[in-house]
Amino acid sequence: RITSVFMYPMSFVEFLTPLGEDLLL
């Protein structure tokens, strides 16, 4: 009756996005 999702710290991929490194990613 419940859906569980586990959330973790940011990955390296998630780290590159706010750095503006989308093309490198």
PDB file of all heavy atoms in Angstrom:
ATOM      1  N   ARG A   1       0.806  -1.222   0.000  1.00  0.00           N
ATOM      2  CA  ARG A   1       0.000   0.000   0.000  1.00  0.00           C
ATOM      3  C   ARG A   1       0.839   1.272   0.000  1.00  0.00           C
ATOM      4  O   ARG A   1       0.302   2.368   0.003  1.00  0.00           O
ATOM      5  CB  ARG A   1      -0.940  -0.004   1.213  1.00  0.00           C
ATOM      6  CG  ARG A   1      -1.987  -1.113   1.169  1.00  0.00           C
ATOM      7  CD  ARG A   1      -2.709  -1.233   2.504  1.00  0.00           C
ATOM      8  NE  ARG A   1      -3.771  -2.220   2.446  1.00  0.00           N
ATOM      9  CZ  ARG A   1      -3.595  -3.532   2.597  1.00  0.00           C
ATOM     10  NH1 ARG A   1      -2.363  -4.002   2.808  1.00  0.00           N
ATOM     11  NH2 ARG A   1      -4.609  -4.368   2.539  1.00  0.00           N
ATOM     12  N   ILE A   2       2.166   1.124   0.023  1.00  0.00           N
ATOM     13  CA  ILE A   2       3.072   2.265   0.072  1.00  0.00           C
ATOM     14  C   ILE A   2       4.206   2.038  -0.915  1.00  0.00           C
ATOM     15  O   ILE A   2       4.720   0.926  -1.045  1.00  0.00           O
ATOM     16  CB  ILE A   2       3.645   2.458   1.495  1.00  0.00           C
ATOM     17  CG1 ILE A   2       2.530   2.726   2.502  1.00  0.00           C
ATOM     18  CG2 ILE A   2       4.658   3.600   1.518  1.00  0.00           C
ATOM     19  CD1 ILE A   2       2.991   2.660   3.939  1.00  0.00           C
ATOM     20  N   THR A   3       4.598   3.089  -1.616  1.00  0.00           N
ATOM     21  CA  THR A   3       5.767   3.036  -2.503  1.00  0.00           C
ATOM     22  C   THR A   3       6.948   3.699  -1.800  1.00  0.00           C
ATOM     23  O   THR A   3       6.848   4.844  -1.372  1.00  0.00           O
ATOM     24  CB  THR A   3       5.496   3.765  -3.831  1.00  0.00           C
ATOM     25  OG1 THR A   3       4.421   3.124  -4.512  1.00  0.00           O
ATOM     26  CG2 THR A   3       6.730   3.750  -4.717  1.00  0.00           C
ATOM     27  N   SER A   4       8.050   2.969  -1.664  1.00  0.00           N
ATOM     28  CA  SER A   4       9.242   3.516  -1.012  1.00  0.00           C
ATOM     29  C   SER A   4      10.309   3.844  -2.050  1.00  0.00           C
ATOM     30  O   SER A   4      10.540   3.065  -2.984  1.00  0.00           O
ATOM     31  CB  SER A   4       9.816   2.522   0.003  1.00  0.00           C
ATOM     32  OG  SER A   4       9.017   2.449   1.161  1.00  0.00           O
ATOM     33  N   VAL A   5      10.934   4.997  -1.872  1.00  0.00           N
ATOM     34  CA  VAL A   5      12.050   5.412  -2.714  1.00  0.00           C
ATOM     35  C   VAL A   5      13.196   5.814  -1.798  1.00  0.00           C
ATOM     36  O   VAL A   5      12.983   6.537  -0.817  1.00  0.00           O
ATOM     37  CB  VAL A   5      11.664   6.605  -3.623  1.00  0.00           C
ATOM     38  CG1 VAL A   5      12.882   7.131  -4.363  1.00  0.00           C
ATOM     39  CG2 VAL A   5      10.586   6.195  -4.617  1.00  0.00           C
ATOM     40  N   PHE A   6      14.382   5.342  -2.102  1.00  0.00           N
ATOM     41  CA  PHE A   6      15.549   5.692  -1.294  1.00  0.00           C
ATOM     42  C   PHE A   6      16.337   6.792  -2.013  1.00  0.00           C
ATOM     43  O   PHE A   6      16.656   6.666  -3.195  1.00  0.00           O
ATOM     44  CB  PHE A   6      16.434   4.469  -1.067  1.00  0.00           C
ATOM     45  CG  PHE A   6      15.814   3.457  -0.147  1.00  0.00           C
ATOM     46  CD1 PHE A   6      14.924   2.513  -0.621  1.00  0.00           C
ATOM     47  CD2 PHE A   6      16.109   3.472   1.213  1.00  0.00           C
ATOM     48  CE1 PHE A   6      14.332   1.583   0.224  1.00  0.00           C
ATOM     49  CE2 PHE A   6      15.523   2.549   2.069  1.00  0.00           C
ATOM     50  CZ  PHE A   6      14.638   1.599   1.578  1.00  0.00           C
ATOM     51  N   MET A   7      16.628   7.855  -1.270  1.00  0.00           N
ATOM     52  CA  MET A   7      17.337   8.999  -1.845  1.00  0.00           C
ATOM     53  C   MET A   7      18.725   9.096  -1.224  1.00  0.00           C
ATOM     54  O   MET A   7      18.901   8.910  -0.020  1.00  0.00           O
ATOM     55  CB  MET A   7      16.548  10.292  -1.592  1.00  0.00           C
ATOM     56  CG  MET A   7      17.103  11.488  -2.331  1.00  0.00           C
ATOM     57  SD  MET A   7      16.001  12.908  -2.184  1.00  0.00           S
ATOM     58  CE  MET A   7      16.907  14.140  -3.126  1.00  0.00           C
ATOM     59  N   TYR A   8      19.704   9.406  -2.065  1.00  0.00           N
ATOM     60  CA  TYR A   8      21.103   9.431  -1.638  1.00  0.00           C
ATOM     61  C   TYR A   8      21.712  10.798  -1.945  1.00  0.00           C
ATOM     62  O   TYR A   8      21.090  11.624  -2.619  1.00  0.00           O
ATOM     63  CB  TYR A   8      21.878   8.329  -2.363  1.00  0.00           C
ATOM     64  CG  TYR A   8      21.297   6.953  -2.154  1.00  0.00           C
ATOM     65  CD1 TYR A   8      20.404   6.407  -3.079  1.00  0.00           C
ATOM     66  CD2 TYR A   8      21.615   6.212  -1.018  1.00  0.00           C
ATOM     67  CE1 TYR A   8      19.850   5.143  -2.885  1.00  0.00           C
ATOM     68  CE2 TYR A   8      21.068   4.956  -0.812  1.00  0.00           C
ATOM     69  CZ  TYR A   8      20.189   4.429  -1.740  1.00  0.00           C
ATOM     70  OH  TYR A   8      19.633   3.191  -1.541  1.00  0.00           O
ATOM     71  N   PRO A   9      22.925  11.050  -1.464  1.00  0.00           N
ATOM     72  CA  PRO A   9      23.596  12.301  -1.853  1.00  0.00           C
ATOM     73  C   PRO A   9      23.751  12.386  -3.363  1.00  0.00           C
ATOM     74  O   PRO A   9      23.569  11.402  -4.093  1.00  0.00           O
ATOM     75  CB  PRO A   9      24.961  12.188  -1.159  1.00  0.00           C
ATOM     76  CG  PRO A   9      24.715  11.293   0.006  1.00  0.00           C
ATOM     77  CD  PRO A   9      23.710  10.285  -0.469  1.00  0.00           C
ATOM     78  N   MET A  10      24.110  13.549  -3.838  1.00  0.00           N
ATOM     79  CA  MET A  10      24.232  13.783  -5.278  1.00  0.00           C
ATOM     80  C   MET A  10      25.338  12.918  -5.869  1.00  0.00           C
ATOM     81  O   MET A  10      26.398  12.734  -5.267  1.00  0.00           O
ATOM     82  CB  MET A  10      24.518  15.256  -5.549  1.00  0.00           C
ATOM     83  CG  MET A  10      23.415  16.185  -5.065  1.00  0.00           C
ATOM     84  SD  MET A  10      23.797  17.934  -5.293  1.00  0.00           S
ATOM     85  CE  MET A  10      23.635  18.081  -7.072  1.00  0.00           C
ATOM     86  N   SER A  11      25.087  12.411  -7.067  1.00  0.00           N
ATOM     87  CA  SER A  11      26.097  11.654  -7.800  1.00  0.00           C
ATOM     88  C   SER A  11      27.003  12.619  -8.564  1.00  0.00           C
ATOM     89  O   SER A  11      26.744  13.832  -8.626  1.00  0.00           O
ATOM     90  CB  SER A  11      25.408  10.706  -8.788  1.00  0.00           C
ATOM     91  OG  SER A  11      24.725  11.463  -9.780  1.00  0.00           O
ATOM     92  N   PHE A  12      28.059  12.079  -9.148  1.00  0.00           N
ATOM     93  CA  PHE A  12      28.957  12.918  -9.954  1.00  0.00           C
ATOM     94  C   PHE A  12      28.214  13.538 -11.132  1.00  0.00           C
ATOM     95  O   PHE A  12      28.441  14.698 -11.483  1.00  0.00           O
ATOM     96  CB  PHE A  12      30.142  12.082 -10.442  1.00  0.00           C
ATOM     97  CG  PHE A  12      31.120  12.843 -11.277  1.00  0.00           C
ATOM     98  CD1 PHE A  12      31.739  13.988 -10.798  1.00  0.00           C
ATOM     99  CD2 PHE A  12      31.433  12.420 -12.569  1.00  0.00           C
ATOM    100  CE1 PHE A  12      32.653  14.712 -11.575  1.00  0.00           C
ATOM    101  CE2 PHE A  12      32.343  13.118 -13.346  1.00  0.00           C
ATOM    102  CZ  PHE A  12      32.955  14.266 -12.853  1.00  0.00           C
ATOM    103  N   VAL A  13      27.299  12.768 -11.729  1.00  0.00           N
ATOM    104  CA  VAL A  13      26.491  13.290 -12.842  1.00  0.00           C
ATOM    105  C   VAL A  13      25.649  14.471 -12.365  1.00  0.00           C
ATOM    106  O   VAL A  13      25.571  15.508 -13.033  1.00  0.00           O
ATOM    107  CB  VAL A  13      25.602  12.179 -13.426  1.00  0.00           C
ATOM    108  CG1 VAL A  13      24.571  12.761 -14.387  1.00  0.00           C
ATOM    109  CG2 VAL A  13      26.457  11.138 -14.141  1.00  0.00           C
ATOM    110  N   GLU A  14      25.012  14.320 -11.203  1.00  0.00           N
ATOM    111  CA  GLU A  14      24.193  15.418 -10.670  1.00  0.00           C
ATOM    112  C   GLU A  14      25.062  16.612 -10.289  1.00  0.00           C
ATOM    113  O   GLU A  14      24.601  17.757 -10.322  1.00  0.00           O
ATOM    114  CB  GLU A  14      23.418  14.926  -9.451  1.00  0.00           C
ATOM    115  CG  GLU A  14      22.309  13.938  -9.772  1.00  0.00           C
ATOM    116  CD  GLU A  14      21.627  13.415  -8.534  1.00  0.00           C
ATOM    117  OE1 GLU A  14      22.312  12.787  -7.701  1.00  0.00           O
ATOM    118  OE2 GLU A  14      20.408  13.633  -8.384  1.00  0.00           O
ATOM    119  N   PHE A  15      26.296  16.374  -9.904  1.00  0.00           N
ATOM    120  CA  PHE A  15      27.230  17.433  -9.544  1.00  0.00           C
ATOM    121  C   PHE A  15      27.613  18.280 -10.764  1.00  0.00           C
ATOM    122  O   PHE A  15      27.755  19.500 -10.671  1.00  0.00           O
ATOM    123  CB  PHE A  15      28.473  16.796  -8.915  1.00  0.00           C
ATOM    124  CG  PHE A  15      29.650  17.714  -8.730  1.00  0.00           C
ATOM    125  CD1 PHE A  15      29.609  18.736  -7.787  1.00  0.00           C
ATOM    126  CD2 PHE A  15      30.798  17.557  -9.481  1.00  0.00           C
ATOM    127  CE1 PHE A  15      30.701  19.579  -7.606  1.00  0.00           C
ATOM    128  CE2 PHE A  15      31.896  18.387  -9.308  1.00  0.00           C
ATOM    129  CZ  PHE A  15      31.838  19.407  -8.367  1.00  0.00           C
ATOM    130  N   LEU A  16      27.754  17.634 -11.926  1.00  0.00           N
ATOM    131  CA  LEU A  16      28.183  18.365 -13.123  1.00  0.00           C
ATOM    132  C   LEU A  16      27.111  19.322 -13.634  1.00  0.00           C
ATOM    133  O   LEU A  16      27.426  20.378 -14.187  1.00  0.00           O
ATOM    134  CB  LEU A  16      28.554  17.371 -14.232  1.00  0.00           C
ATOM    135  CG  LEU A  16      29.842  16.578 -14.046  1.00  0.00           C
ATOM    136  CD1 LEU A  16      30.043  15.617 -15.208  1.00  0.00           C
ATOM    137  CD2 LEU A  16      31.044  17.510 -13.912  1.00  0.00           C
ATOM    138  N   THR A  17      25.841  18.970 -13.454  1.00  0.00           N
ATOM    139  CA  THR A  17      24.762  19.789 -14.013  1.00  0.00           C
ATOM    140  C   THR A  17      24.728  21.206 -13.431  1.00  0.00           C
ATOM    141  O   THR A  17      24.726  22.182 -14.195  1.00  0.00           O
ATOM    142  CB  THR A  17      23.404  19.089 -13.827  1.00  0.00           C
ATOM    143  OG1 THR A  17      23.453  17.815 -14.488  1.00  0.00           O
ATOM    144  CG2 THR A  17      22.284  19.915 -14.418  1.00  0.00           C
ATOM    145  N   PRO A  18      24.703  21.396 -12.090  1.00  0.00           N
ATOM    146  CA  PRO A  18      24.690  22.775 -11.582  1.00  0.00           C
ATOM    147  C   PRO A  18      25.988  23.527 -11.839  1.00  0.00           C
ATOM    148  O   PRO A  18      26.014  24.755 -11.766  1.00  0.00           O
ATOM    149  CB  PRO A  18      24.445  22.587 -10.073  1.00  0.00           C
ATOM    150  CG  PRO A  18      24.901  21.214  -9.763  1.00  0.00           C
ATOM    151  CD  PRO A  18      24.592  20.409 -10.997  1.00  0.00           C
ATOM    152  N   LEU A  19      27.058  22.786 -12.170  1.00  0.00           N
ATOM    153  CA  LEU A  19      28.302  23.463 -12.542  1.00  0.00           C
ATOM    154  C   LEU A  19      28.214  24.062 -13.942  1.00  0.00           C
ATOM    155  O   LEU A  19      29.077  24.823 -14.352  1.00  0.00           O
ATOM    156  CB  LEU A  19      29.469  22.471 -12.496  1.00  0.00           C
ATOM    157  CG  LEU A  19      30.105  22.166 -11.139  1.00  0.00           C
ATOM    158  CD1 LEU A  19      31.250  21.183 -11.315  1.00  0.00           C
ATOM    159  CD2 LEU A  19      30.611  23.435 -10.464  1.00  0.00           C
ATOM    160  N   GLY A  20      27.176  23.683 -14.681  1.00  0.00           N
ATOM    161  CA  GLY A  20      27.028  24.168 -16.043  1.00  0.00           C
ATOM    162  C   GLY A  20      27.838  23.361 -17.045  1.00  0.00           C
ATOM    163  O   GLY A  20      28.099  23.830 -18.165  1.00  0.00           O
ATOM    164  N   GLU A  21      28.201  22.135 -16.659  1.00  0.00           N
ATOM    165  CA  GLU A  21      29.025  21.297 -17.527  1.00  0.00           C
ATOM    166  C   GLU A  21      28.168  20.300 -18.301  1.00  0.00           C
ATOM    167  O   GLU A  21      28.491  19.110 -18.403  1.00  0.00           O
ATOM    168  CB  GLU A  21      30.085  20.561 -16.689  1.00  0.00           C
ATOM    169  CG  GLU A  21      31.088  21.458 -16.005  1.00  0.00           C
ATOM    170  CD  GLU A  21      32.053  22.120 -16.992  1.00  0.00           C
ATOM    171  OE1 GLU A  21      32.046  21.724 -18.186  1.00  0.00           O
ATOM    172  OE2 GLU A  21      32.795  23.020 -16.564  1.00  0.00           O
ATOM    173  N   ASP A  22      27.081  20.776 -18.873  1.00  0.00           N
ATOM    174  CA  ASP A  22      26.162  19.883 -19.584  1.00  0.00           C
ATOM    175  C   ASP A  22      26.816  19.266 -20.828  1.00  0.00           C
ATOM    176  O   ASP A  22      26.556  18.095 -21.144  1.00  0.00           O
ATOM    177  CB  ASP A  22      24.897  20.652 -19.990  1.00  0.00           C
ATOM    178  CG  ASP A  22      24.101  21.118 -18.787  1.00  0.00           C
ATOM    179  OD1 ASP A  22      23.839  20.291 -17.914  1.00  0.00           O
ATOM    180  OD2 ASP A  22      23.749  22.316 -18.729  1.00  0.00           O
ATOM    181  N   LEU A  23      27.623  20.032 -21.543  1.00  0.00           N
ATOM    182  CA  LEU A  23      28.253  19.498 -22.753  1.00  0.00           C
ATOM    183  C   LEU A  23      29.278  18.433 -22.412  1.00  0.00           C
ATOM    184  O   LEU A  23      29.380  17.398 -23.107  1.00  0.00           O
ATOM    185  CB  LEU A  23      28.900  20.631 -23.556  1.00  0.00           C
ATOM    186  CG  LEU A  23      27.930  21.695 -24.080  1.00  0.00           C
ATOM    187  CD1 LEU A  23      28.685  22.782 -24.852  1.00  0.00           C
ATOM    188  CD2 LEU A  23      26.876  21.056 -24.977  1.00  0.00           C
ATOM    189  N   LEU A  24      30.040  18.651 -21.335  1.00  0.00           N
ATOM    190  CA  LEU A  24      31.003  17.631 -20.891  1.00  0.00           C
ATOM    191  C   LEU A  24      30.255  16.378 -20.446  1.00  0.00           C
ATOM    192  O   LEU A  24      30.667  15.251 -20.762  1.00  0.00           O
ATOM    193  CB  LEU A  24      31.861  18.173 -19.755  1.00  0.00           C
ATOM    194  CG  LEU A  24      32.821  17.170 -19.106  1.00  0.00           C
ATOM    195  CD1 LEU A  24      33.837  16.660 -20.124  1.00  0.00           C
ATOM    196  CD2 LEU A  24      33.530  17.793 -17.896  1.00  0.00           C
ATOM    197  N   LEU A  25      29.162  16.574 -19.739  1.00  0.00           N
ATOM    198  CA  LEU A  25      28.359  15.449 -19.273  1.00  0.00           C
ATOM    199  C   LEU A  25      27.845  14.627 -20.454  1.00  0.00           C
ATOM    200  O   LEU A  25      27.843  13.388 -20.412  1.00  0.00           O
ATOM    201  CB  LEU A  25      27.194  15.961 -18.419  1.00  0.00           C
ATOM    202  CG  LEU A  25      26.233  14.910 -17.858  1.00  0.00           C
ATOM    203  CD1 LEU A  25      26.976  13.880 -17.032  1.00  0.00           C
ATOM    204  CD2 LEU A  25      25.152  15.588 -17.010  1.00  0.00           C
TER     205      LEU A  25
END
